[in-house]
Amino acid sequence: MTDSNEPDDLREKHERNREQRIGAVKRWVAYIKSEPPEKWGPQQNAVVNDQLESAQNVQTSAAHKQYVQDVAAEIAEGADDGSEN
């Protein structure tokens, strides 16, 4: 017996997760707008550093590593010239 609602349930779950992530990003934006960088900067650095550490512990292909480096370089270029990505 198959559950014909299963794909819909999964889509609904993914949409809920997406909405939660968007909500978290909006809360973070509001927080950084209301607080000085001295307060939120170290918090953001801790998150980024933990993500980088986790990524370094994952086995990835050389092609994927190059892709990540290319994306990071594009982001850094955008930050250097003041444009928003």
Protein backbone atom coordinates (compact mmCIF):
# COMPACT_ATOMS: atom_id res chain seq x y z
CA MET A 1 0.00 0.00 0.00
CA THR A 2 1.40 3.37 -0.99
CA ASP A 3 0.72 6.68 0.60
CA SER A 4 -0.28 9.06 -2.18
CA ASN A 5 0.07 12.01 0.21
CA GLU A 6 3.77 11.34 0.82
CA PRO A 7 5.12 13.64 -1.95
CA ASP A 8 2.77 16.43 -0.83
CA ASP A 9 3.84 15.96 2.79
CA LEU A 10 7.49 16.19 1.78
CA ARG A 11 6.86 19.34 -0.27
CA GLU A 12 5.01 20.87 2.67
CA LYS A 13 7.89 19.98 4.99
CA HIS A 14 10.41 21.54 2.60
CA GLU A 15 8.29 24.68 2.35
CA ARG A 16 8.03 24.94 6.15
CA ASN A 17 11.80 24.51 6.44
CA ARG A 18 12.35 27.17 3.78
CA GLU A 19 10.02 29.58 5.56
CA GLN A 20 11.83 28.96 8.85
CA ARG A 21 15.20 29.66 7.24
CA ILE A 22 13.91 32.86 5.64
CA GLY A 23 12.46 33.92 8.99
CA ALA A 24 15.79 33.30 10.68
CA VAL A 25 17.62 35.38 8.06
CA LYS A 26 15.13 38.24 8.50
CA ARG A 27 15.58 38.12 12.29
CA TRP A 28 19.36 38.22 11.85
CA VAL A 29 19.12 41.20 9.50
CA ALA A 30 16.93 43.05 11.99
CA TYR A 31 19.42 42.20 14.75
CA ILE A 32 22.48 43.45 12.88
CA LYS A 33 20.64 46.64 11.92
CA SER A 34 19.77 47.31 15.57
CA GLU A 35 23.11 46.39 17.16
CA PRO A 36 26.66 47.66 16.61
CA PRO A 37 29.09 45.48 14.64
CA GLU A 38 31.18 45.03 17.79
CA LYS A 39 28.34 42.98 19.24
CA TRP A 40 27.21 40.87 16.30
CA GLY A 41 30.53 40.63 14.44
CA PRO A 42 32.12 38.07 16.78
CA GLN A 43 28.91 36.02 16.72
CA GLN A 44 28.89 35.96 12.93
CA ASN A 45 32.60 35.12 12.84
CA ALA A 46 32.00 32.15 15.15
CA VAL A 47 29.27 30.80 12.88
CA VAL A 48 31.35 31.25 9.74
CA ASN A 49 34.44 29.71 11.34
CA ASP A 50 32.42 26.68 12.50
CA GLN A 51 30.99 26.25 9.00
CA LEU A 52 34.45 26.45 7.48
CA GLU A 53 35.78 23.91 9.95
CA SER A 54 32.92 21.55 9.19
CA ALA A 55 33.46 21.96 5.46
CA GLN A 56 37.15 21.16 5.84
CA ASN A 57 36.27 17.89 7.56
CA VAL A 58 34.11 16.72 4.65
CA GLN A 59 35.63 14.75 1.82
CA THR A 60 35.05 16.75 -1.37
CA SER A 61 36.35 16.52 -4.89
CA ALA A 62 38.98 18.88 -6.20
CA ALA A 63 36.41 20.25 -8.68
CA HIS A 64 33.98 21.10 -5.89
CA LYS A 65 36.72 22.73 -3.83
CA GLN A 66 37.64 24.87 -6.85
CA TYR A 67 33.98 25.83 -7.35
CA VAL A 68 33.70 26.95 -3.71
CA GLN A 69 36.91 28.98 -4.02
CA ASP A 70 35.59 30.62 -7.21
CA VAL A 71 32.30 31.54 -5.55
CA ALA A 72 34.12 32.92 -2.51
CA ALA A 73 36.34 35.02 -4.78
CA GLU A 74 33.27 36.42 -6.58
CA ILE A 75 31.68 37.32 -3.26
CA ALA A 76 34.89 38.96 -2.06
CA GLU A 77 35.15 40.97 -5.29
CA GLY A 78 31.57 42.17 -4.79
CA ALA A 79 32.37 43.20 -1.24
CA ASP A 80 35.51 45.00 -2.35
CA ASP A 81 33.72 47.08 -4.98
CA GLY A 82 30.77 47.84 -2.71
CA SER A 83 28.16 46.06 -4.81
CA GLU A 84 25.46 43.94 -3.20
CA ASN A 85 25.09 40.28 -4.19
